[in-house]
Amino acid sequence: MEDNKHIFQLLANYIEEDPDDMENFYNDAMNLIRGAAADKNIEFDGYFRERWEISADTIFEFDEDYFENEDRRDLYVFLSALVDEEIFSYLHYVWHHVNNEELSKEILEIKIEELKEKGVRF
């Protein structure tokens, strides 16, 4: 529960830093939520935790673009929000501030499908 409060406080701090820059808020918030999902060991097709562990055990590192790709990041967060209520609550907070609408599972499913149609994969 303490982590939950901490994440919401960080999200609020992001907005307070520059309330007119929703693009920066969205990117910072989505990276924070991605980290929270990874900390919970949420995986899809071995994405995230497995790749970080493999990277840590080898001399070479995976291309940073893999982890910084915003579409791939968003897909991971959207899928995580479908399977974890806490992640959903963080994303709901962000979505409400950025899009001025309430996030629903239907909206998430549409966004996931749009990303998959664009060819976004793990």
N, C-alpha and C. Protein backbone atom coordinates (compact mmCIF):
# COMPACT_ATOMS: atom_id res chain seq x y z
N MET A 1 0.83 -1.20 0.00
CA MET A 1 0.00 0.00 0.00
C MET A 1 0.87 1.26 0.00
N GLU A 2 2.01 1.18 0.69
CA GLU A 2 2.91 2.34 0.73
C GLU A 2 3.46 2.66 -0.65
N ASP A 3 3.81 1.61 -1.42
CA ASP A 3 4.29 1.83 -2.79
C ASP A 3 3.22 2.51 -3.62
N ASN A 4 1.98 2.11 -3.42
CA ASN A 4 0.86 2.68 -4.15
C ASN A 4 0.78 4.19 -3.92
N LYS A 5 0.87 4.60 -2.67
CA LYS A 5 0.84 6.02 -2.34
C LYS A 5 2.04 6.75 -2.93
N HIS A 6 3.18 6.10 -2.91
CA HIS A 6 4.40 6.70 -3.44
C HIS A 6 4.28 6.94 -4.95
N ILE A 7 3.76 5.96 -5.66
CA ILE A 7 3.59 6.11 -7.12
C ILE A 7 2.63 7.25 -7.42
N PHE A 8 1.50 7.31 -6.72
CA PHE A 8 0.56 8.40 -6.96
C PHE A 8 1.17 9.76 -6.61
N GLN A 9 2.00 9.80 -5.58
CA GLN A 9 2.67 11.06 -5.23
C GLN A 9 3.64 11.48 -6.33
N LEU A 10 4.37 10.53 -6.87
CA LEU A 10 5.27 10.84 -7.98
C LEU A 10 4.50 11.34 -9.20
N LEU A 11 3.38 10.70 -9.50
CA LEU A 11 2.57 11.14 -10.63
C LEU A 11 2.06 12.57 -10.41
N ALA A 12 1.63 12.86 -9.20
CA ALA A 12 1.17 14.22 -8.88
C ALA A 12 2.32 15.22 -9.01
N ASN A 13 3.51 14.82 -8.57
CA ASN A 13 4.68 15.69 -8.70
C ASN A 13 5.00 15.98 -10.16
N TYR A 14 4.86 14.97 -11.02
CA TYR A 14 5.11 15.18 -12.44
C TYR A 14 4.19 16.26 -13.00
N ILE A 15 2.93 16.21 -12.61
CA ILE A 15 1.97 17.21 -13.10
C ILE A 15 2.32 18.59 -12.55
N GLU A 16 2.65 18.65 -11.28
CA GLU A 16 2.96 19.94 -10.65
C GLU A 16 4.18 20.61 -11.28
N GLU A 17 5.13 19.80 -11.77
CA GLU A 17 6.34 20.37 -12.37
C GLU A 17 6.01 21.27 -13.55
N ASP A 18 5.09 20.83 -14.40
CA ASP A 18 4.68 21.63 -15.56
C ASP A 18 3.29 21.17 -15.99
N PRO A 19 2.27 21.75 -15.40
CA PRO A 19 0.90 21.31 -15.68
C PRO A 19 0.45 21.52 -17.12
N ASP A 20 1.18 22.30 -17.89
CA ASP A 20 0.80 22.54 -19.27
C ASP A 20 1.50 21.60 -20.25
N ASP A 21 2.45 20.81 -19.78
CA ASP A 21 3.18 19.91 -20.66
C ASP A 21 2.71 18.47 -20.45
N MET A 22 1.56 18.15 -21.03
CA MET A 22 0.98 16.82 -20.85
C MET A 22 1.77 15.75 -21.60
N GLU A 23 2.47 16.12 -22.65
CA GLU A 23 3.27 15.13 -23.38
C GLU A 23 4.42 14.63 -22.51
N ASN A 24 5.11 15.54 -21.85
CA ASN A 24 6.19 15.16 -20.96
C ASN A 24 5.64 14.39 -19.75
N PHE A 25 4.53 14.85 -19.20
CA PHE A 25 3.90 14.13 -18.09
C PHE A 25 3.57 12.70 -18.50
N TYR A 26 2.97 12.55 -19.68
CA TYR A 26 2.58 11.21 -20.16
C TYR A 26 3.81 10.31 -20.27
N ASN A 27 4.87 10.80 -20.89
CA ASN A 27 6.06 9.98 -21.07
C ASN A 27 6.71 9.61 -19.73
N ASP A 28 6.84 10.58 -18.84
CA ASP A 28 7.41 10.29 -17.52
C ASP A 28 6.54 9.29 -16.76
N ALA A 29 5.23 9.52 -16.80
CA ALA A 29 4.30 8.66 -16.08
C ALA A 29 4.30 7.24 -16.64
N MET A 30 4.31 7.12 -17.96
CA MET A 30 4.29 5.78 -18.57
C MET A 30 5.58 5.03 -18.25
N ASN A 31 6.70 5.72 -18.21
CA ASN A 31 7.95 5.06 -17.81
C ASN A 31 7.90 4.61 -16.36
N LEU A 32 7.31 5.43 -15.50
CA LEU A 32 7.15 5.07 -14.09
C LEU A 32 6.25 3.84 -13.96
N ILE A 33 5.13 3.85 -14.66
CA ILE A 33 4.19 2.73 -14.59
C ILE A 33 4.84 1.46 -15.16
N ARG A 34 5.59 1.60 -16.25
CA ARG A 34 6.30 0.44 -16.80
C ARG A 34 7.22 -0.16 -15.75
N GLY A 35 7.93 0.70 -15.02
CA GLY A 35 8.81 0.21 -13.97
C GLY A 35 8.05 -0.48 -12.85
N ALA A 36 6.89 0.07 -12.49
CA ALA A 36 6.07 -0.55 -11.44
C ALA A 36 5.58 -1.92 -11.89
N ALA A 37 5.20 -2.04 -13.16
CA ALA A 37 4.74 -3.34 -13.69
C ALA A 37 5.89 -4.33 -13.72
N ALA A 38 7.07 -3.87 -14.12
CA ALA A 38 8.24 -4.76 -14.15
C ALA A 38 8.60 -5.22 -12.75
N ASP A 39 8.48 -4.32 -11.76
CA ASP A 39 8.75 -4.69 -10.37
C ASP A 39 7.79 -5.77 -9.87
N LYS A 40 6.61 -5.81 -10.46
CA LYS A 40 5.62 -6.83 -10.09
C LYS A 40 5.81 -8.11 -10.90
N ASN A 41 6.87 -8.12 -11.74
CA ASN A 41 7.18 -9.28 -12.58
C ASN A 41 6.08 -9.61 -13.58
N ILE A 42 5.38 -8.60 -14.06
CA ILE A 42 4.36 -8.80 -15.08
C ILE A 42 5.08 -8.98 -16.41
N GLU A 43 4.80 -10.11 -17.08
CA GLU A 43 5.46 -10.41 -18.34
C GLU A 43 4.44 -10.81 -19.39
N PHE A 44 4.79 -10.51 -20.63
CA PHE A 44 4.02 -10.94 -21.80
C PHE A 44 5.03 -11.42 -22.82
N ASP A 45 4.91 -12.67 -23.22
CA ASP A 45 5.86 -13.25 -24.17
C ASP A 45 7.30 -13.09 -23.68
N GLY A 46 7.50 -13.18 -22.37
CA GLY A 46 8.84 -13.05 -21.81
C GLY A 46 9.37 -11.64 -21.81
N TYR A 47 8.51 -10.68 -22.14
CA TYR A 47 8.98 -9.30 -22.23
C TYR A 47 9.36 -8.75 -20.86
N PHE A 48 10.35 -8.02 -20.86
CA PHE A 48 10.90 -7.17 -19.81
C PHE A 48 11.78 -7.93 -18.84
N ARG A 49 11.24 -8.60 -17.87
CA ARG A 49 12.08 -9.20 -16.83
C ARG A 49 13.10 -10.17 -17.44
N GLU A 50 12.63 -11.07 -18.28
CA GLU A 50 13.51 -12.07 -18.87
C GLU A 50 14.62 -11.41 -19.69
N ARG A 51 14.28 -10.40 -20.47
CA ARG A 51 15.27 -9.73 -21.30
C ARG A 51 16.29 -8.97 -20.45
N TRP A 52 15.84 -8.35 -19.36
CA TRP A 52 16.79 -7.66 -18.48
C TRP A 52 17.73 -8.67 -17.83
N GLU A 53 17.20 -9.82 -17.41
CA GLU A 53 18.04 -10.82 -16.77
C GLU A 53 19.06 -11.38 -17.75
N ILE A 54 18.65 -11.64 -18.99
CA ILE A 54 19.57 -12.13 -20.01
C ILE A 54 20.64 -11.09 -20.27
N SER A 55 20.23 -9.84 -20.39
CA SER A 55 21.18 -8.75 -20.65
C SER A 55 22.21 -8.65 -19.53
N ALA A 56 21.77 -8.82 -18.30
CA ALA A 56 22.67 -8.70 -17.15
C ALA A 56 23.70 -9.83 -17.12
N ASP A 57 23.35 -10.97 -17.72
CA ASP A 57 24.23 -12.14 -17.70
C ASP A 57 25.15 -12.23 -18.91
N THR A 58 25.07 -11.28 -19.80
CA THR A 58 25.90 -11.35 -21.00
C THR A 58 26.75 -10.09 -21.12
N ILE A 59 27.77 -10.18 -21.96
CA ILE A 59 28.66 -9.04 -22.15
C ILE A 59 27.95 -7.93 -22.90
N PHE A 60 27.19 -8.30 -23.95
CA PHE A 60 26.50 -7.26 -24.71
C PHE A 60 25.18 -6.91 -24.05
N GLU A 61 24.68 -5.75 -24.36
CA GLU A 61 23.38 -5.34 -23.84
C GLU A 61 22.42 -5.18 -24.99
N PHE A 62 21.15 -5.45 -24.72
CA PHE A 62 20.14 -5.26 -25.74
C PHE A 62 20.08 -3.80 -26.12
N ASP A 63 19.72 -3.55 -27.34
CA ASP A 63 19.61 -2.21 -27.87
C ASP A 63 18.69 -1.38 -26.97
N GLU A 64 19.18 -0.22 -26.54
CA GLU A 64 18.38 0.63 -25.67
C GLU A 64 17.07 1.04 -26.32
N ASP A 65 17.08 1.13 -27.65
CA ASP A 65 15.84 1.48 -28.35
C ASP A 65 14.73 0.50 -28.04
N TYR A 66 15.09 -0.75 -27.80
CA TYR A 66 14.07 -1.75 -27.49
C TYR A 66 13.27 -1.33 -26.27
N PHE A 67 13.95 -0.84 -25.26
CA PHE A 67 13.29 -0.47 -24.02
C PHE A 67 12.75 0.95 -24.04
N GLU A 68 13.25 1.77 -24.97
CA GLU A 68 12.79 3.15 -25.04
C GLU A 68 11.71 3.37 -26.10
N ASN A 69 11.39 2.37 -26.88
CA ASN A 69 10.36 2.49 -27.89
C ASN A 69 9.03 2.78 -27.21
N GLU A 70 8.47 3.95 -27.48
CA GLU A 70 7.26 4.39 -26.77
C GLU A 70 6.05 3.51 -27.06
N ASP A 71 5.92 3.04 -28.30
CA ASP A 71 4.80 2.16 -28.62
C ASP A 71 4.91 0.84 -27.86
N ARG A 72 6.12 0.27 -27.82
CA ARG A 72 6.32 -0.98 -27.10
C ARG A 72 6.08 -0.78 -25.60
N ARG A 73 6.57 0.36 -25.09
CA ARG A 73 6.34 0.69 -23.68
C ARG A 73 4.85 0.79 -23.39
N ASP A 74 4.13 1.51 -24.25
CA ASP A 74 2.69 1.68 -24.04
C ASP A 74 1.96 0.35 -24.12
N LEU A 75 2.34 -0.50 -25.07
CA LEU A 75 1.70 -1.81 -25.17
C LEU A 75 1.90 -2.60 -23.89
N TYR A 76 3.11 -2.57 -23.36
CA TYR A 76 3.39 -3.28 -22.12
C TYR A 76 2.55 -2.73 -20.96
N VAL A 77 2.46 -1.42 -20.86
CA VAL A 77 1.68 -0.80 -19.78
C VAL A 77 0.20 -1.11 -19.96
N PHE A 78 -0.32 -0.98 -21.18
CA PHE A 78 -1.74 -1.25 -21.42
C PHE A 78 -2.09 -2.71 -21.08
N LEU A 79 -1.26 -3.64 -21.53
CA LEU A 79 -1.51 -5.05 -21.22
C LEU A 79 -1.40 -5.30 -19.71
N SER A 80 -0.43 -4.67 -19.07
CA SER A 80 -0.28 -4.82 -17.62
C SER A 80 -1.49 -4.30 -16.88
N ALA A 81 -2.05 -3.20 -17.36
CA ALA A 81 -3.24 -2.62 -16.72
C ALA A 81 -4.44 -3.54 -16.83
N LEU A 82 -4.48 -4.37 -17.88
CA LEU A 82 -5.59 -5.32 -18.01
C LEU A 82 -5.51 -6.46 -17.00
N VAL A 83 -4.31 -6.77 -16.53
CA VAL A 83 -4.15 -7.93 -15.64
C VAL A 83 -3.86 -7.55 -14.19
N ASP A 84 -3.66 -6.26 -13.92
CA ASP A 84 -3.31 -5.84 -12.57
C ASP A 84 -4.06 -4.55 -12.22
N GLU A 85 -4.88 -4.62 -11.20
CA GLU A 85 -5.72 -3.48 -10.82
C GLU A 85 -4.91 -2.27 -10.34
N GLU A 86 -3.81 -2.51 -9.69
CA GLU A 86 -2.98 -1.40 -9.22
C GLU A 86 -2.38 -0.64 -10.41
N ILE A 87 -1.86 -1.37 -11.38
CA ILE A 87 -1.33 -0.75 -12.59
C ILE A 87 -2.45 -0.02 -13.32
N PHE A 88 -3.63 -0.63 -13.37
CA PHE A 88 -4.78 0.03 -13.99
C PHE A 88 -5.08 1.36 -13.30
N SER A 89 -5.01 1.38 -11.98
CA SER A 89 -5.32 2.61 -11.25
C SER A 89 -4.32 3.72 -11.57
N TYR A 90 -3.04 3.36 -11.71
CA TYR A 90 -2.03 4.37 -12.09
C TYR A 90 -2.32 4.91 -13.49
N LEU A 91 -2.58 3.99 -14.41
CA LEU A 91 -2.84 4.39 -15.79
C LEU A 91 -4.13 5.20 -15.87
N HIS A 92 -5.11 4.85 -15.08
CA HIS A 92 -6.38 5.59 -15.05
C HIS A 92 -6.13 7.05 -14.66
N TYR A 93 -5.31 7.24 -13.67
CA TYR A 93 -4.95 8.59 -13.21
C TYR A 93 -4.30 9.39 -14.34
N VAL A 94 -3.35 8.77 -15.01
CA VAL A 94 -2.63 9.43 -16.10
C VAL A 94 -3.59 9.71 -17.26
N TRP A 95 -4.36 8.71 -17.63
CA TRP A 95 -5.28 8.83 -18.76
C TRP A 95 -6.27 9.97 -18.53
N HIS A 96 -6.78 10.06 -17.33
CA HIS A 96 -7.75 11.11 -17.00
C HIS A 96 -7.14 12.49 -17.19
N HIS A 97 -5.92 12.68 -16.76
CA HIS A 97 -5.27 13.98 -16.87
C HIS A 97 -4.87 14.32 -18.30
N VAL A 98 -4.44 13.33 -19.06
CA VAL A 98 -3.96 13.58 -20.41
C VAL A 98 -5.10 13.68 -21.42
N ASN A 99 -6.08 12.80 -21.29
CA ASN A 99 -7.15 12.70 -22.29
C ASN A 99 -8.50 13.25 -21.84
N ASN A 100 -8.57 13.68 -20.59
CA ASN A 100 -9.82 14.21 -20.05
C ASN A 100 -11.00 13.26 -20.21
N GLU A 101 -10.74 11.98 -20.02
CA GLU A 101 -11.79 10.96 -20.05
C GLU A 101 -11.44 9.84 -19.09
N GLU A 102 -12.44 9.12 -18.70
CA GLU A 102 -12.24 7.98 -17.81
C GLU A 102 -11.73 6.79 -18.61
N LEU A 103 -10.69 6.16 -18.14
CA LEU A 103 -10.14 4.99 -18.79
C LEU A 103 -11.02 3.79 -18.49
N SER A 104 -11.27 2.99 -19.50
CA SER A 104 -12.03 1.75 -19.32
C SER A 104 -11.24 0.60 -19.94
N LYS A 105 -11.64 -0.60 -19.62
CA LYS A 105 -10.99 -1.77 -20.21
C LYS A 105 -11.22 -1.79 -21.72
N GLU A 106 -12.37 -1.28 -22.16
CA GLU A 106 -12.66 -1.23 -23.59
C GLU A 106 -11.69 -0.30 -24.31
N ILE A 107 -11.41 0.85 -23.72
CA ILE A 107 -10.44 1.78 -24.31
C ILE A 107 -9.07 1.12 -24.38
N LEU A 108 -8.69 0.43 -23.31
CA LEU A 108 -7.40 -0.27 -23.31
C LEU A 108 -7.33 -1.30 -24.43
N GLU A 109 -8.38 -2.07 -24.59
CA GLU A 109 -8.40 -3.09 -25.63
C GLU A 109 -8.29 -2.47 -27.01
N ILE A 110 -8.93 -1.33 -27.24
CA ILE A 110 -8.84 -0.63 -28.52
C ILE A 110 -7.40 -0.16 -28.74
N LYS A 111 -6.79 0.44 -27.73
CA LYS A 111 -5.42 0.93 -27.84
C LYS A 111 -4.44 -0.21 -28.09
N ILE A 112 -4.64 -1.32 -27.42
CA ILE A 112 -3.79 -2.49 -27.62
C ILE A 112 -3.90 -2.98 -29.06
N GLU A 113 -5.13 -3.08 -29.55
CA GLU A 113 -5.34 -3.53 -30.92
C GLU A 113 -4.71 -2.57 -31.93
N GLU A 114 -4.82 -1.26 -31.69
CA GLU A 114 -4.21 -0.27 -32.58
C GLU A 114 -2.69 -0.45 -32.64
N LEU A 115 -2.09 -0.67 -31.48
CA LEU A 115 -0.63 -0.86 -31.45
C LEU A 115 -0.23 -2.16 -32.16
N LYS A 116 -1.00 -3.22 -31.96
CA LYS A 116 -0.69 -4.48 -32.62
C LYS A 116 -0.85 -4.36 -34.13
N GLU A 117 -1.87 -3.62 -34.56
CA GLU A 117 -2.07 -3.39 -36.00
C GLU A 117 -0.91 -2.60 -36.61
N LYS A 118 -0.28 -1.74 -35.81
CA LYS A 118 0.90 -1.00 -36.26
C LYS A 118 2.12 -1.90 -36.35
N GLY A 119 2.00 -3.10 -35.83
CA GLY A 119 3.12 -4.04 -35.87
C GLY A 119 3.95 -4.05 -34.61
N VAL A 120 3.48 -3.44 -33.56
CA VAL A 120 4.23 -3.41 -32.30
C VAL A 120 4.18 -4.79 -31.66
N ARG A 121 5.36 -5.31 -31.37
CA ARG A 121 5.50 -6.63 -30.75
C ARG A 121 6.60 -6.53 -29.69
N PHE A 122 6.65 -7.54 -28.86
CA PHE A 122 7.72 -7.61 -27.87
C PHE A 122 8.88 -8.33 -28.48
